[in-house]
């Protein structure tokens, strides 16, 4: 008699091991870059990585590392170290963890490889500029700030010209640091691959329209890594093609990530990295599946503006149209579109102490959602890395009450 657990087998995503192997090889490559005559660039998660890939520069993401620190439950120690260095506890916990980590080679992988340059794109927040200035001084390396005007209204001709000039200046910066010219044909090829990878990632996320959903937002948080870290590489395209086939197979077979799925939820904001498992289990207890989220979809949402025949010009627009670089009204329209697309019963909002740009507009979005779709929302107050901002008993009580509201809505036929 087999001792395999059939239910566990249906929950296991085969691609997970491949993802871990790819990310392990990636960090080894980055850590040994200097021995192999390669350069390393630290870049913000929303920044244009394709020019780095085209010039064989290894991109490294302090924010990704911050997520690893949070998931490894090392956030409190590193945040406290930063506070002892004089940084405020109100500063982003990614920034605090990264700044202190650099001084002690801390974290789950013994610190990040020292950068040869830093690339900061402010399409996600303003904190990154000061954070990267601190690290540029610490490592004594050049810093490029890629400035994206905030889109309060529309993408005007003036913004278009400015954004494209930023892209050209960015490429000139890379050429100056490396001492060699970028191959434009190579840049176009990387752009084409990046677009293909983003399209595949969107298709993976779209498998969650199936009922039951073959994946949860917690799965998406894990599988996101390659579209951020290795966007523009054939490796990411191949990975997402395999993951898509696996999710489509599960959807066709009716295999749900949450057995007995009853309620479909949307997550807003970054994950609470140190409590992902607890949250996943808590929602699963209520037969609730977080089928979609605004965070992981941000890496493909603006890619609709990409023209593979003019990648440099169109990428300037795509990166300016990043989700967090939009006005609240536009963000609310995106959320409403996702509610309709994934047939959402309720929205879970992580009011993230660290990420002000993501959190400040949530009350407005909450009101718009409740007014226009009549579905309840839950606000969880926490932090993505610093566990000191999380109250388990309070969150548990709020989740229970939230699910009860959804249940009453369903009974009432709303």
Protein backbone atom coordinates (compact mmCIF):
# COMPACT_ATOMS: atom_id res chain seq x y z
CA UNK A 1 0.00 0.00 0.00
CA UNK A 2 1.36 3.41 -0.98
CA UNK A 3 2.01 5.86 1.84
CA UNK A 4 1.49 8.81 -0.47
CA UNK A 5 -1.13 11.34 0.50
CA UNK A 6 -3.37 11.88 -2.57
CA UNK A 7 -4.63 15.23 -1.31
CA UNK A 8 -1.07 16.48 -0.81
CA UNK A 9 -0.14 15.33 -4.32
CA UNK A 10 -2.92 17.47 -5.83
CA UNK A 11 -1.64 20.52 -3.94
CA UNK A 12 1.99 20.06 -4.96
CA UNK A 13 3.07 22.30 -7.84
CA UNK A 14 5.85 20.52 -9.70
CA UNK A 15 7.38 23.79 -10.92
CA UNK A 16 8.28 24.87 -7.38
CA UNK A 17 11.50 22.82 -7.28
CA UNK A 18 12.58 24.18 -10.66
CA UNK A 19 12.01 27.72 -9.41
CA UNK A 20 14.18 27.10 -6.35
CA UNK A 21 16.95 25.59 -8.50
CA UNK A 22 16.88 28.57 -10.89
CA UNK A 23 17.01 31.12 -8.07
CA UNK A 24 19.84 29.25 -6.33
CA UNK A 25 21.89 29.27 -9.56
CA UNK A 26 21.06 32.96 -10.06
CA UNK A 27 22.38 33.97 -6.64
CA UNK A 28 25.51 31.85 -7.09
CA UNK A 29 26.11 33.59 -10.43
CA UNK A 30 25.65 36.99 -8.79
CA UNK A 31 27.89 36.13 -5.83
CA UNK A 32 30.70 34.93 -8.14
CA UNK A 33 30.30 37.75 -10.68
CA UNK A 34 33.69 39.34 -10.09
CA UNK A 35 35.53 36.05 -10.44
CA UNK A 36 33.85 35.69 -13.83
CA UNK A 37 34.52 39.29 -14.96
CA UNK A 38 30.84 40.23 -14.77
CA UNK A 39 29.31 43.37 -13.34
CA UNK A 40 26.46 43.55 -10.82
CA UNK A 41 23.80 46.25 -10.72
CA UNK A 42 21.41 46.69 -7.83
CA UNK A 43 18.06 47.80 -9.25
CA UNK A 44 14.64 48.62 -7.84
CA UNK A 45 11.91 46.05 -8.47
CA UNK A 46 9.96 48.35 -10.78
CA UNK A 47 13.01 49.44 -12.77
CA UNK A 48 13.74 48.63 -16.42
CA UNK A 49 15.93 45.55 -16.18
CA UNK A 50 16.09 44.77 -19.91
CA UNK A 51 19.06 47.08 -20.69
CA UNK A 52 21.04 45.32 -17.93
CA UNK A 53 20.25 41.90 -19.41
CA UNK A 54 21.16 43.18 -22.89
CA UNK A 55 24.58 44.29 -21.61
CA UNK A 56 25.24 41.08 -19.62
CA UNK A 57 25.07 42.92 -16.30
CA UNK A 58 23.64 40.80 -13.48
CA UNK A 59 20.61 42.52 -11.90
CA UNK A 60 20.21 42.16 -8.14
CA UNK A 61 17.13 43.32 -6.25
CA UNK A 62 17.41 44.53 -2.65
CA UNK A 63 13.58 44.38 -2.45
CA UNK A 64 13.61 40.69 -3.40
CA UNK A 65 16.23 40.20 -0.73
CA UNK A 66 13.99 42.08 1.70
CA UNK A 67 11.18 39.63 0.94
CA UNK A 68 13.57 36.74 1.63
CA UNK A 69 14.54 38.37 4.92
CA UNK A 70 10.87 38.68 5.85
CA UNK A 71 10.02 35.10 4.86
CA UNK A 72 13.03 33.89 6.87
CA UNK A 73 11.77 35.85 9.90
CA UNK A 74 15.01 37.81 10.17
CA UNK A 75 13.31 41.18 9.75
CA UNK A 76 13.10 42.31 13.37
CA UNK A 77 16.81 41.85 14.04
CA UNK A 78 17.92 43.70 10.91
CA UNK A 79 15.34 46.48 11.32
CA UNK A 80 16.49 47.00 14.90
CA UNK A 81 20.11 47.19 13.70
CA UNK A 82 19.12 49.93 11.25
CA UNK A 83 17.27 51.80 13.98
CA UNK A 84 20.39 51.59 16.17
CA UNK A 85 22.27 53.19 13.24
CA UNK A 86 19.87 56.14 13.47
CA UNK A 87 17.21 55.22 10.90
CA UNK A 88 13.58 55.79 11.90
CA UNK A 89 11.26 52.85 12.56
CA UNK A 90 8.84 54.62 10.17
CA UNK A 91 11.21 54.01 7.27
CA UNK A 92 10.35 51.19 4.84
CA UNK A 93 11.35 47.84 6.37
CA UNK A 94 12.90 46.72 3.06
CA UNK A 95 15.19 49.76 3.24
CA UNK A 96 16.02 49.27 6.92
CA UNK A 97 16.75 45.56 6.47
CA UNK A 98 18.89 46.18 3.38
CA UNK A 99 20.89 49.07 4.83
CA UNK A 100 21.79 47.20 8.01
CA UNK A 101 22.27 43.90 6.18
CA UNK A 102 24.98 45.43 3.98
CA UNK A 103 27.08 46.30 7.03
CA UNK A 104 27.08 42.77 8.48
CA UNK A 105 26.54 40.54 5.40
CA UNK A 106 23.38 39.35 7.11
CA UNK A 107 20.18 37.81 5.87
CA UNK A 108 19.36 34.30 4.66
CA UNK A 109 22.06 34.22 1.94
CA UNK A 110 24.83 36.03 3.81
CA UNK A 111 24.21 39.41 2.21
CA UNK A 112 24.00 40.50 -1.41
CA UNK A 113 27.00 40.70 -3.74
CA UNK A 114 28.59 44.16 -3.71
CA UNK A 115 27.25 46.28 -6.59
CA UNK A 116 29.28 47.92 -9.35
CA UNK A 117 26.44 50.39 -9.89
CA UNK A 118 22.94 51.17 -8.64
CA UNK A 119 19.85 51.86 -10.74
CA UNK A 120 16.91 53.47 -8.96
CA UNK A 121 13.52 53.91 -10.65
CA UNK A 122 11.01 55.95 -8.66
CA UNK A 123 7.88 54.49 -10.30
CA UNK A 124 7.12 52.54 -7.14
CA UNK A 125 7.90 55.07 -4.39
CA UNK A 126 10.06 58.00 -3.40
CA UNK A 127 11.85 56.23 -0.55
CA UNK A 128 13.96 54.24 -3.00
CA UNK A 129 15.86 57.38 -4.03
CA UNK A 130 17.22 58.11 -0.56
CA UNK A 131 17.69 54.40 0.15
CA UNK A 132 19.82 53.97 -2.98
CA UNK A 133 21.74 57.18 -2.28
CA UNK A 134 22.70 55.70 1.10
CA UNK A 135 23.90 52.48 -0.53
CA UNK A 136 25.75 54.32 -3.33
CA UNK A 137 27.72 56.20 -0.69
CA UNK A 138 28.34 53.06 1.35
CA UNK A 139 29.64 51.02 -1.60
CA UNK A 140 31.15 54.06 -3.36
CA UNK A 141 29.62 53.21 -6.74
CA UNK A 142 27.76 55.29 -9.34
CA UNK A 143 23.98 55.70 -9.08
CA UNK A 144 21.48 56.36 -11.86
CA UNK A 145 18.05 57.67 -10.90
CA UNK A 146 15.45 56.85 -13.53
CA UNK A 147 12.72 59.45 -13.01
CA UNK A 148 9.13 58.62 -13.99
CA UNK A 149 6.59 61.45 -13.69
CA UNK A 150 3.54 60.51 -11.62
CA UNK A 151 0.48 59.94 -13.82
CA UNK A 152 -2.22 61.95 -12.07
CA UNK A 153 -4.21 62.02 -15.29
CA UNK A 154 -2.93 60.93 -18.70
CA UNK A 155 0.33 60.01 -20.42
CA UNK A 156 0.86 63.33 -22.18
CA UNK A 157 3.21 64.07 -25.13
CA UNK A 158 5.46 65.98 -22.70
CA UNK A 159 5.70 62.99 -20.36
CA UNK A 160 6.35 60.72 -23.34
CA UNK A 161 9.32 62.82 -24.49
CA UNK A 162 10.72 63.06 -20.97
CA UNK A 163 10.32 59.35 -20.23
CA UNK A 164 12.00 58.33 -23.49
CA UNK A 165 14.91 60.68 -22.77
CA UNK A 166 15.30 59.02 -19.38
CA UNK A 167 15.61 55.63 -21.09
CA UNK A 168 18.30 56.93 -23.46
CA UNK A 169 20.22 58.53 -20.56
CA UNK A 170 19.97 55.26 -18.64
CA UNK A 171 21.57 53.36 -21.54
CA UNK A 172 24.31 56.02 -21.79
CA UNK A 173 24.97 55.59 -18.06
CA UNK A 174 25.39 51.82 -18.47
CA UNK A 175 27.70 52.31 -21.44
CA UNK A 176 29.80 54.74 -19.39
CA UNK A 177 30.11 52.37 -16.43
CA UNK A 178 30.90 49.29 -18.55
CA UNK A 179 33.06 51.07 -21.13
CA UNK A 180 31.24 49.47 -24.06
CA UNK A 181 28.34 50.21 -26.35
CA UNK A 182 24.98 48.48 -26.12
CA UNK A 183 24.08 46.32 -29.10
CA UNK A 184 20.71 47.66 -30.26
CA UNK A 185 19.81 44.37 -31.97
CA UNK A 186 20.53 42.57 -28.72
CA UNK A 187 18.36 45.11 -26.87
CA UNK A 188 15.46 44.44 -29.24
CA UNK A 189 15.82 40.69 -28.74
CA UNK A 190 15.82 41.05 -24.96
CA UNK A 191 12.77 43.32 -25.25
CA UNK A 192 10.93 40.71 -27.30
CA UNK A 193 11.74 38.01 -24.75
CA UNK A 194 10.71 40.27 -21.87
CA UNK A 195 7.36 40.94 -23.49
CA UNK A 196 6.83 37.22 -24.14
CA UNK A 197 7.65 36.41 -20.51
CA UNK A 198 5.25 39.05 -19.21
CA UNK A 199 2.48 37.75 -21.45
CA UNK A 200 3.04 34.22 -20.18
CA UNK A 201 3.01 35.42 -16.57
CA UNK A 202 -0.35 37.10 -17.19
CA UNK A 203 -1.67 33.86 -18.69
CA UNK A 204 -0.50 31.99 -15.59
CA UNK A 205 -2.38 34.45 -13.35
CA UNK A 206 -5.43 34.19 -15.61
CA UNK A 207 -5.80 30.47 -14.95
CA UNK A 208 -7.28 31.59 -11.62
CA UNK A 209 -10.51 32.53 -13.42
CA UNK A 210 -11.25 28.79 -13.34
CA UNK A 211 -13.50 27.49 -10.60
CA UNK A 212 -11.99 26.13 -8.49
CA UNK A 213 -8.83 28.16 -8.99
CA UNK A 214 -5.73 26.00 -9.60
CA UNK A 215 -3.55 28.51 -7.70
CA UNK A 216 -3.76 31.14 -4.98
CA UNK A 217 -2.21 34.57 -4.61
CA UNK A 218 0.22 32.95 -2.16
CA UNK A 219 1.39 30.69 -4.98
CA UNK A 220 1.71 33.74 -7.23
CA UNK A 221 3.88 35.50 -4.63
CA UNK A 222 6.31 32.57 -4.87
CA UNK A 223 6.30 32.17 -8.66
CA UNK A 224 6.67 35.93 -9.23
CA UNK A 225 10.43 35.81 -8.62
CA UNK A 226 11.53 35.17 -12.21
CA UNK A 227 9.42 37.87 -13.87
CA UNK A 228 11.07 40.37 -11.53
CA UNK A 229 14.60 39.00 -11.39
CA UNK A 230 15.20 37.44 -14.80
CA UNK A 231 12.71 39.28 -17.00
CA UNK A 232 14.14 39.42 -20.49
CA UNK A 233 15.83 36.00 -20.33
CA UNK A 234 14.82 32.89 -22.23
CA UNK A 235 15.02 31.02 -18.94
CA UNK A 236 12.06 32.98 -17.55
CA UNK A 237 10.02 32.35 -20.71
CA UNK A 238 10.71 28.62 -20.54
CA UNK A 239 9.81 28.51 -16.85
CA UNK A 240 6.50 30.30 -17.23
CA UNK A 241 5.59 28.24 -20.26
CA UNK A 242 6.00 25.11 -18.11
CA UNK A 243 4.13 26.64 -15.15
CA UNK A 244 1.28 27.72 -17.44
CA UNK A 245 0.93 24.19 -18.85
CA UNK A 246 0.83 22.82 -15.29
CA UNK A 247 -1.82 25.31 -14.15
CA UNK A 248 -3.94 24.70 -17.26
CA UNK A 249 -3.74 20.97 -16.64
CA UNK A 250 -4.87 21.43 -13.04
CA UNK A 251 -7.72 23.71 -14.11
CA UNK A 252 -8.88 21.23 -16.74
CA UNK A 253 -8.84 18.41 -14.17
CA UNK A 254 -10.78 20.54 -11.67
CA UNK A 255 -7.94 20.51 -9.14
CA UNK A 256 -8.38 23.48 -6.84
CA UNK A 257 -5.68 25.05 -4.72
CA UNK A 258 -8.31 25.19 -1.96
CA UNK A 259 -10.39 22.00 -1.74
CA UNK A 260 -14.08 22.93 -1.52
CA UNK A 261 -13.49 26.53 -2.65
CA UNK A 262 -16.53 28.64 -1.68
CA UNK A 263 -15.30 32.22 -1.57
CA UNK A 264 -13.03 34.02 -4.03
CA UNK A 265 -10.93 36.88 -2.69
CA UNK A 266 -8.61 39.59 -4.04
CA UNK A 267 -5.45 40.63 -2.15
CA UNK A 268 -4.19 44.23 -2.32
CA UNK A 269 -0.63 45.36 -1.45
CA UNK A 270 2.57 43.45 -0.77
CA UNK A 271 2.50 40.09 1.04
CA UNK A 272 3.07 39.80 4.78
CA UNK A 273 6.10 37.64 4.09
CA UNK A 274 6.64 36.25 7.60
CA UNK A 275 2.99 35.15 7.95
CA UNK A 276 2.19 33.78 4.49
CA UNK A 277 1.69 30.20 5.64
CA UNK A 278 -0.46 31.21 8.61
CA UNK A 279 -2.63 33.47 6.45
CA UNK A 280 -2.97 30.83 3.71
CA UNK A 281 -4.11 28.28 6.27
CA UNK A 282 -6.46 30.73 7.98
CA UNK A 283 -8.29 31.59 4.76
CA UNK A 284 -8.32 27.93 3.69
CA UNK A 285 -10.10 27.03 6.95
CA UNK A 286 -12.98 29.14 5.67
CA UNK A 287 -12.86 27.57 2.17
CA UNK A 288 -11.72 30.99 0.91
CA UNK A 289 -9.25 31.25 -1.95
CA UNK A 290 -7.24 34.38 -2.67
CA UNK A 291 -7.44 33.94 -6.44
CA UNK A 292 -5.79 37.20 -7.51
CA UNK A 293 -3.80 40.17 -6.24
CA UNK A 294 -2.76 43.63 -7.39
CA UNK A 295 0.91 43.03 -6.52
CA UNK A 296 1.92 40.17 -8.82
CA UNK A 297 -0.18 41.46 -11.71
CA UNK A 298 1.74 44.76 -11.66
CA UNK A 299 4.60 43.18 -13.63
CA UNK A 300 2.40 42.51 -16.64
CA UNK A 301 -0.36 45.13 -16.44
CA UNK A 302 1.60 47.95 -18.07
CA UNK A 303 3.22 45.63 -20.63
CA UNK A 304 0.21 46.17 -22.89
CA UNK A 305 1.94 49.39 -23.91
CA UNK A 306 5.04 47.59 -25.21
CA UNK A 307 5.76 47.65 -28.92
CA UNK A 308 8.36 44.95 -29.63
CA UNK A 309 9.42 46.88 -32.75
CA UNK A 310 10.26 49.94 -30.64
CA UNK A 311 11.07 48.48 -27.26
CA UNK A 312 13.14 51.37 -25.91
CA UNK A 313 10.51 54.00 -26.72
CA UNK A 314 7.53 51.94 -25.63
CA UNK A 315 9.24 50.61 -22.49
CA UNK A 316 9.62 54.20 -21.31
CA UNK A 317 5.82 54.44 -21.38
CA UNK A 318 5.23 51.00 -19.86
CA UNK A 319 7.50 51.68 -16.88
CA UNK A 320 5.90 55.09 -16.32
CA UNK A 321 2.46 53.44 -16.24
CA UNK A 322 3.43 51.20 -13.32
CA UNK A 323 0.49 50.46 -10.98
CA UNK A 324 1.94 52.46 -8.09
CA UNK A 325 2.69 55.41 -10.38
CA UNK A 326 -1.01 55.99 -11.11
CA UNK A 327 -3.63 58.14 -9.40
CA UNK A 328 -6.10 56.51 -7.02
CA UNK A 329 -8.98 56.68 -9.49
CA UNK A 330 -6.97 54.73 -12.07
CA UNK A 331 -5.89 52.20 -9.44
CA UNK A 332 -9.53 51.73 -8.41
CA UNK A 333 -10.52 51.07 -12.04
CA UNK A 334 -7.86 48.33 -12.24
CA UNK A 335 -9.14 46.77 -8.99
CA UNK A 336 -12.74 46.85 -10.25
CA UNK A 337 -11.63 45.17 -13.47
CA UNK A 338 -9.95 42.40 -11.49
CA UNK A 339 -13.06 41.94 -9.32
CA UNK A 340 -15.13 41.37 -12.44
CA UNK A 341 -12.55 39.21 -14.20
CA UNK A 342 -11.97 36.80 -11.32
CA UNK A 343 -15.53 36.91 -9.91
CA UNK A 344 -14.41 38.22 -6.52
CA UNK A 345 -16.57 37.97 -3.38
CA UNK A 346 -14.42 40.18 -1.15
CA UNK A 347 -11.19 42.17 -1.11
CA UNK A 348 -8.40 41.85 1.49
CA UNK A 349 -6.31 45.00 1.88
CA UNK A 350 -2.96 44.87 3.62
CA UNK A 351 -2.52 48.35 5.11
CA UNK A 352 1.23 48.14 4.95
CA UNK A 353 3.07 50.32 7.46
CA UNK A 354 6.16 50.29 5.23
CA UNK A 355 4.66 50.95 1.80
CA UNK A 356 2.95 54.33 1.96
CA UNK A 357 2.28 54.73 -1.81
CA UNK A 358 0.49 51.37 -1.83
CA UNK A 359 -1.48 52.01 1.36
CA UNK A 360 -2.49 55.68 1.36
CA UNK A 361 -5.23 55.32 -1.26
CA UNK A 362 -6.74 52.13 0.10
CA UNK A 363 -9.61 53.77 1.98
CA UNK A 364 -10.67 55.56 -1.22
CA UNK A 365 -10.41 52.33 -3.24
CA UNK A 366 -12.34 50.52 -0.49
CA UNK A 367 -15.20 53.03 -0.74
CA UNK A 368 -15.29 52.84 -4.55
CA UNK A 369 -15.35 49.02 -4.48
CA UNK A 370 -18.12 48.86 -1.91
CA UNK A 371 -20.16 51.51 -3.76
CA UNK A 372 -19.77 50.10 -7.28
CA UNK A 373 -19.62 46.34 -6.62
CA UNK A 374 -21.26 45.99 -3.21
CA UNK A 375 -18.68 43.51 -1.90
CA UNK A 376 -17.09 43.69 1.57
CA UNK A 377 -13.45 44.45 2.24
CA UNK A 378 -11.06 43.62 5.05
CA UNK A 379 -8.21 45.88 6.17
CA UNK A 380 -5.26 44.10 7.79
CA UNK A 381 -2.77 46.43 9.49
CA UNK A 382 0.74 45.01 9.36
CA UNK A 383 4.15 45.34 7.72
CA UNK A 384 5.76 43.28 4.97
CA UNK A 385 8.99 42.49 6.89
CA UNK A 386 8.84 43.89 10.44
CA UNK A 387 6.87 41.41 12.56
CA UNK A 388 6.47 43.91 15.39
CA UNK A 389 3.56 45.45 13.45
CA UNK A 390 1.51 42.23 13.30
CA UNK A 391 -1.16 41.20 15.82
CA UNK A 392 -2.27 37.61 15.21
CA UNK A 393 -5.33 37.73 17.45
CA UNK A 394 -6.58 40.97 15.90
CA UNK A 395 -6.07 39.73 12.33
CA UNK A 396 -7.71 36.38 13.10
CA UNK A 397 -10.79 38.09 14.55
CA UNK A 398 -11.07 40.39 11.55
CA UNK A 399 -10.78 37.51 9.07
CA UNK A 400 -13.53 35.58 10.86
CA UNK A 401 -15.85 38.61 10.79
CA UNK A 402 -15.00 39.34 7.15
CA UNK A 403 -15.84 35.82 6.00
CA UNK A 404 -19.12 36.00 7.90
CA UNK A 405 -19.98 39.18 5.98
CA UNK A 406 -19.29 37.42 2.68
CA UNK A 407 -21.37 34.43 3.78
CA UNK A 408 -24.30 36.74 4.62
CA UNK A 409 -23.93 38.44 1.24
CA UNK A 410 -24.10 35.07 -0.50
CA UNK A 411 -27.19 34.01 1.48
CA UNK A 412 -28.87 37.31 0.62
CA UNK A 413 -28.02 36.78 -3.04
CA UNK A 414 -25.90 39.90 -3.30
